[in-house]
Amino acid sequence: MTLQIWSIARRQIVRTLRQPAAVFFPVAFPLALMAVNAGGLTPATRLPGFPTDSFYAFALAVPFIQGSLFATMNAGTDLARDIQEGFFNRLQLTPLNPAALLLGLLGGVVAMGLVQAVIYLGVGLAIGVEFHAGALGVVVLLALATLILIGFGAIGATMALRTGSGEAVQGLFPALFVFLFISSMNMPRDLIPIDWFRIAATANPISYLLEGVRSLIITGWDGQALALGFGVAAAVTAAALVAATRSLRTRMERT
């Protein structure tokens, strides 16, 4: 089974690398958005209670989550294309373990996502962001990013398996993007002046993923933020994996 997982993961990685847009935009777009937001919202760092004097440090958490959303779309779109082109049906004629298909797909997503994460870290260091949790904090950050990637990748796989349509998976991306914007993406929750937005951001699980990543960058070791970040990531991942497994079983029964 290990060889099967590796083969599927390798195929996913090679397939992604052969699509320049699938490599370039998940890296460039989150960094460009961070630069735009930092350029316009830097005065917010002068607000009493703002956790850092560098908005770049505050905003650096966003690319990690946004990059994971791109990973969701890429993984789901590729799997949907396999279904549409009949590759999925042909796989069922082989001794491939169904679990290996899902794990291999997610393995490819994680591998590409971690490359993106390392680039984000490198850009952060290049522009002068200090990681207050130190080298061990970077390791923890990558572990949290991995968990988020698995969860979001499983969401994309679930959508692909249920619909068999790349267009449907791509339609999911704007909905997930809305969750990113209605979060603590640009402002700490306790400093959001609009009541309904603050309530929505507090109810939004994306806020806790952002704050978990952000705490390692601008705070150091914040046990509460990390517990909430890892807890929400684990809950999303567990639910998404269950949904993906059930969707895979249903899809195989249909074909």
Protein backbone atom coordinates (compact mmCIF):
# COMPACT_ATOMS: atom_id res chain seq x y z
CA MET A 1 0.00 0.00 0.00
CA THR A 2 2.91 2.36 0.72
CA LEU A 3 4.11 2.03 -2.86
CA GLN A 4 0.60 2.78 -4.12
CA ILE A 5 0.37 5.92 -1.97
CA TRP A 6 3.78 7.07 -3.18
CA SER A 7 2.85 6.45 -6.83
CA ILE A 8 -0.38 8.47 -6.56
CA ALA A 9 1.35 11.26 -4.62
CA ARG A 10 4.17 11.42 -7.17
CA ARG A 11 1.67 11.58 -10.01
CA GLN A 12 -0.16 14.44 -8.28
CA ILE A 13 3.08 16.38 -7.76
CA VAL A 14 4.28 15.89 -11.35
CA ARG A 15 0.84 16.77 -12.66
CA THR A 16 0.83 20.02 -10.69
CA LEU A 17 4.35 20.95 -11.82
CA ARG A 18 3.29 20.50 -15.43
CA GLN A 19 0.66 23.22 -14.96
CA PRO A 20 2.56 26.50 -14.43
CA ALA A 21 -0.58 28.35 -13.35
CA ALA A 22 -1.21 25.78 -10.62
CA VAL A 23 2.26 26.49 -9.23
CA PHE A 24 2.60 30.23 -9.80
CA PHE A 25 -0.73 31.63 -8.60
CA PRO A 26 -0.92 29.75 -5.26
CA VAL A 27 2.44 31.33 -4.39
CA ALA A 28 2.20 34.75 -6.04
CA PHE A 29 -1.42 35.71 -5.37
CA PRO A 30 -1.38 35.30 -1.55
CA LEU A 31 1.90 37.24 -1.33
CA ALA A 32 0.56 39.99 -3.61
CA LEU A 33 -2.60 40.27 -1.52
CA MET A 34 -0.50 40.45 1.64
CA ALA A 35 1.58 43.28 0.15
CA VAL A 36 -1.53 45.22 -0.90
CA ASN A 37 -3.19 44.81 2.48
CA ALA A 38 -0.03 45.72 4.36
CA GLY A 39 0.44 48.81 2.24
CA GLY A 40 -3.07 50.05 2.96
CA LEU A 41 -3.54 48.91 6.54
CA THR A 42 -0.16 49.72 8.10
CA PRO A 43 -1.70 52.65 10.07
CA ALA A 44 -3.76 50.07 11.97
CA THR A 45 -0.61 49.09 13.87
CA ARG A 46 -0.91 52.40 15.76
CA LEU A 47 -4.22 51.35 17.29
CA PRO A 48 -4.02 50.73 21.06
CA GLY A 49 -3.81 47.01 21.65
CA PHE A 50 -2.63 46.04 18.16
CA PRO A 51 -0.30 43.07 18.78
CA THR A 52 2.67 44.19 16.63
CA ASP A 53 4.18 47.27 15.05
CA SER A 54 4.65 45.47 11.70
CA PHE A 55 1.55 44.77 9.65
CA TYR A 56 3.62 42.46 7.46
CA ALA A 57 4.21 40.25 10.50
CA PHE A 58 0.48 40.34 11.27
CA ALA A 59 -0.54 39.59 7.66
CA LEU A 60 2.01 36.83 7.01
CA ALA A 61 -0.39 34.24 8.43
CA VAL A 62 -2.86 34.90 5.59
CA PRO A 63 -0.82 33.31 2.75
CA PHE A 64 -0.64 30.02 4.67
CA ILE A 65 -4.44 29.77 4.79
CA GLN A 66 -5.00 31.21 1.33
CA GLY A 67 -2.41 28.84 -0.14
CA SER A 68 -4.32 25.95 1.45
CA LEU A 69 -7.49 27.13 -0.30
CA PHE A 70 -5.65 26.99 -3.62
CA ALA A 71 -4.50 23.48 -2.72
CA THR A 72 -8.14 22.53 -2.16
CA MET A 73 -9.11 23.73 -5.60
CA ASN A 74 -6.14 22.13 -7.37
CA ALA A 75 -6.58 18.74 -5.72
CA GLY A 76 -10.31 18.66 -6.27
CA THR A 77 -10.08 19.83 -9.88
CA ASP A 78 -7.45 17.21 -10.73
CA LEU A 79 -9.50 14.42 -9.15
CA ALA A 80 -12.66 15.58 -10.92
CA ARG A 81 -10.76 15.56 -14.23
CA ASP A 82 -9.68 11.97 -13.54
CA ILE A 83 -13.32 11.04 -13.01
CA GLN A 84 -14.49 12.84 -16.14
CA GLU A 85 -11.77 11.35 -18.34
CA GLY A 86 -12.34 7.79 -17.12
CA PHE A 87 -8.99 7.41 -15.34
CA PHE A 88 -10.78 6.80 -12.04
CA ASN A 89 -12.77 3.95 -13.61
CA ARG A 90 -9.62 2.36 -14.99
CA LEU A 91 -7.98 2.52 -11.57
CA GLN A 92 -10.77 0.36 -10.19
CA LEU A 93 -9.69 -2.43 -12.54
CA THR A 94 -6.30 -2.54 -10.80
CA PRO A 95 -5.40 -3.86 -7.32
CA LEU A 96 -5.20 -0.25 -6.05
CA ASN A 97 -6.39 0.14 -2.47
CA PRO A 98 -9.08 2.86 -2.38
CA ALA A 99 -7.49 4.38 0.71
CA ALA A 100 -4.20 4.70 -1.18
CA LEU A 101 -5.92 6.83 -3.81
CA LEU A 102 -7.14 9.34 -1.23
CA LEU A 103 -3.94 9.29 0.84
CA GLY A 104 -1.76 9.64 -2.25
CA LEU A 105 -3.79 12.59 -3.49
CA LEU A 106 -3.53 14.30 -0.11
CA GLY A 107 0.17 13.46 0.07
CA GLY A 108 0.73 15.32 -3.19
CA VAL A 109 -1.29 18.27 -1.88
CA VAL A 110 0.75 18.42 1.32
CA ALA A 111 4.07 18.19 -0.52
CA MET A 112 3.22 21.10 -2.82
CA GLY A 113 1.64 23.05 0.02
CA LEU A 114 4.73 22.75 2.20
CA VAL A 115 6.88 24.07 -0.65
CA GLN A 116 4.55 27.08 -0.75
CA ALA A 117 4.80 27.43 3.04
CA VAL A 118 8.60 27.47 2.93
CA ILE A 119 8.44 30.19 0.27
CA TYR A 120 6.11 32.25 2.47
CA LEU A 121 8.51 31.84 5.36
CA GLY A 122 11.44 32.87 3.19
CA VAL A 123 9.62 35.98 1.97
CA GLY A 124 8.73 36.86 5.54
CA LEU A 125 12.35 36.64 6.64
CA ALA A 126 13.47 38.61 3.56
CA ILE A 127 11.18 41.55 4.41
CA GLY A 128 12.31 41.62 8.02
CA VAL A 129 9.60 39.67 9.84
CA GLU A 130 10.88 38.15 13.08
CA PHE A 131 9.54 34.77 14.19
CA HIS A 132 9.18 35.19 17.92
CA ALA A 133 8.68 31.46 18.53
CA GLY A 134 12.14 30.78 17.06
CA ALA A 135 13.27 27.80 15.03
CA LEU A 136 11.08 25.35 16.95
CA GLY A 137 8.13 27.64 16.27
CA VAL A 138 8.78 27.34 12.53
CA VAL A 139 8.58 23.55 12.86
CA VAL A 140 5.28 23.85 14.75
CA LEU A 141 4.00 26.30 12.14
CA LEU A 142 4.77 23.82 9.35
CA ALA A 143 3.03 21.07 11.34
CA LEU A 144 -0.08 23.23 11.66
CA ALA A 145 0.13 24.11 7.96
CA THR A 146 0.31 20.38 7.12
CA LEU A 147 -2.82 19.64 9.16
CA ILE A 148 -4.66 22.50 7.46
CA LEU A 149 -3.55 21.29 4.02
CA ILE A 150 -4.83 17.78 4.70
CA GLY A 151 -8.18 19.12 5.86
CA PHE A 152 -8.69 21.51 2.97
CA GLY A 153 -7.37 18.97 0.48
CA ALA A 154 -9.93 16.45 1.76
CA ILE A 155 -12.68 19.05 1.30
CA GLY A 156 -11.66 19.46 -2.33
CA ALA A 157 -11.54 15.68 -2.80
CA THR A 158 -15.01 15.32 -1.27
CA MET A 159 -16.46 17.89 -3.65
CA ALA A 160 -14.81 16.21 -6.63
CA LEU A 161 -15.99 12.72 -5.66
CA ARG A 162 -19.55 13.85 -5.05
CA THR A 163 -19.96 15.90 -8.22
CA GLY A 164 -17.35 14.52 -10.63
CA SER A 165 -17.12 18.05 -12.00
CA GLY A 166 -14.09 20.32 -12.07
CA GLU A 167 -16.40 23.32 -12.52
CA ALA A 168 -18.25 22.47 -9.31
CA VAL A 169 -14.97 22.26 -7.41
CA GLN A 170 -13.87 25.62 -8.79
CA GLY A 171 -17.22 27.04 -7.73
CA LEU A 172 -16.39 26.04 -4.17
CA PHE A 173 -13.34 28.30 -4.09
CA PRO A 174 -15.21 31.66 -3.92
CA ALA A 175 -17.36 30.32 -1.07
CA LEU A 176 -14.26 29.34 0.91
CA PHE A 177 -12.65 32.68 0.04
CA VAL A 178 -15.59 34.49 1.65
CA PHE A 179 -14.82 32.68 4.91
CA LEU A 180 -11.27 34.02 4.71
CA PHE A 181 -12.41 37.62 4.36
CA ILE A 182 -15.03 37.34 7.12
CA SER A 183 -12.37 36.45 9.68
CA SER A 184 -9.61 38.10 11.68
CA MET A 185 -7.59 38.28 8.47
CA ASN A 186 -6.94 42.05 8.62
CA MET A 187 -7.69 42.95 12.22
CA PRO A 188 -7.57 41.27 15.64
CA ARG A 189 -11.08 40.22 16.62
CA ASP A 190 -11.11 42.36 19.75
CA LEU A 191 -10.32 45.47 17.67
CA ILE A 192 -13.03 44.96 15.03
CA PRO A 193 -15.41 47.88 15.62
CA ILE A 194 -18.45 46.52 13.73
CA ASP A 195 -20.45 44.19 15.98
CA TRP A 196 -21.84 41.82 13.33
CA PHE A 197 -18.42 41.44 11.69
CA ARG A 198 -16.75 40.72 15.04
CA ILE A 199 -19.41 38.09 15.85
CA ALA A 200 -19.03 36.51 12.41
CA ALA A 201 -15.24 36.45 12.73
CA THR A 202 -15.53 34.85 16.17
CA ALA A 203 -17.83 32.13 14.82
CA ASN A 204 -15.62 31.58 11.77
CA PRO A 205 -13.17 28.65 12.20
CA ILE A 206 -10.76 30.30 9.74
CA SER A 207 -10.06 32.98 12.37
CA TYR A 208 -8.61 30.40 14.75
CA LEU A 209 -6.43 28.87 12.04
CA LEU A 210 -5.07 32.34 11.24
CA GLU A 211 -4.52 33.17 14.88
CA GLY A 212 -2.73 29.90 15.54
CA VAL A 213 -0.25 30.60 12.73
CA ARG A 214 -0.01 34.29 13.64
CA SER A 215 0.75 33.60 17.30
CA LEU A 216 3.97 31.79 16.38
CA ILE A 217 5.07 34.78 14.33
CA ILE A 218 4.19 37.79 16.47
CA THR A 219 3.64 36.43 20.00
CA GLY A 220 5.89 33.45 20.51
CA TRP A 221 4.23 30.64 22.41
CA ASP A 222 0.54 31.36 22.99
CA GLY A 223 -0.95 28.16 24.36
CA GLN A 224 -4.55 29.21 23.88
CA ALA A 225 -4.12 30.33 20.28
CA LEU A 226 -2.17 27.18 19.41
CA ALA A 227 -4.69 24.89 21.12
CA LEU A 228 -7.56 26.53 19.27
CA GLY A 229 -5.64 26.52 15.97
CA PHE A 230 -4.65 22.86 16.17
CA GLY A 231 -8.05 21.90 17.60
CA VAL A 232 -10.03 23.55 14.81
CA ALA A 233 -7.62 22.21 12.17
CA ALA A 234 -7.94 18.69 13.60
CA ALA A 235 -11.74 18.92 13.71
CA VAL A 236 -11.97 20.18 10.12
CA THR A 237 -9.51 17.51 8.96
CA ALA A 238 -11.33 14.68 10.73
CA ALA A 239 -14.72 15.74 9.36
CA ALA A 240 -13.33 16.25 5.85
CA LEU A 241 -11.57 12.88 5.83
CA VAL A 242 -14.75 11.10 6.93
CA ALA A 243 -16.71 12.89 4.22
CA ALA A 244 -14.05 12.12 1.59
CA THR A 245 -13.93 8.45 2.57
CA ARG A 246 -17.70 8.10 2.34
CA SER A 247 -17.77 9.98 -0.96
CA LEU A 248 -15.05 7.70 -2.34
CA ARG A 249 -17.01 4.61 -1.32
CA THR A 250 -20.16 5.99 -2.94
CA ARG A 251 -18.33 6.94 -6.13
CA MET A 252 -16.80 3.45 -6.41
CA GLU A 253 -20.21 1.83 -5.94
CA ARG A 254 -21.62 3.95 -8.77
CA THR A 255 -18.89 2.90 -11.19
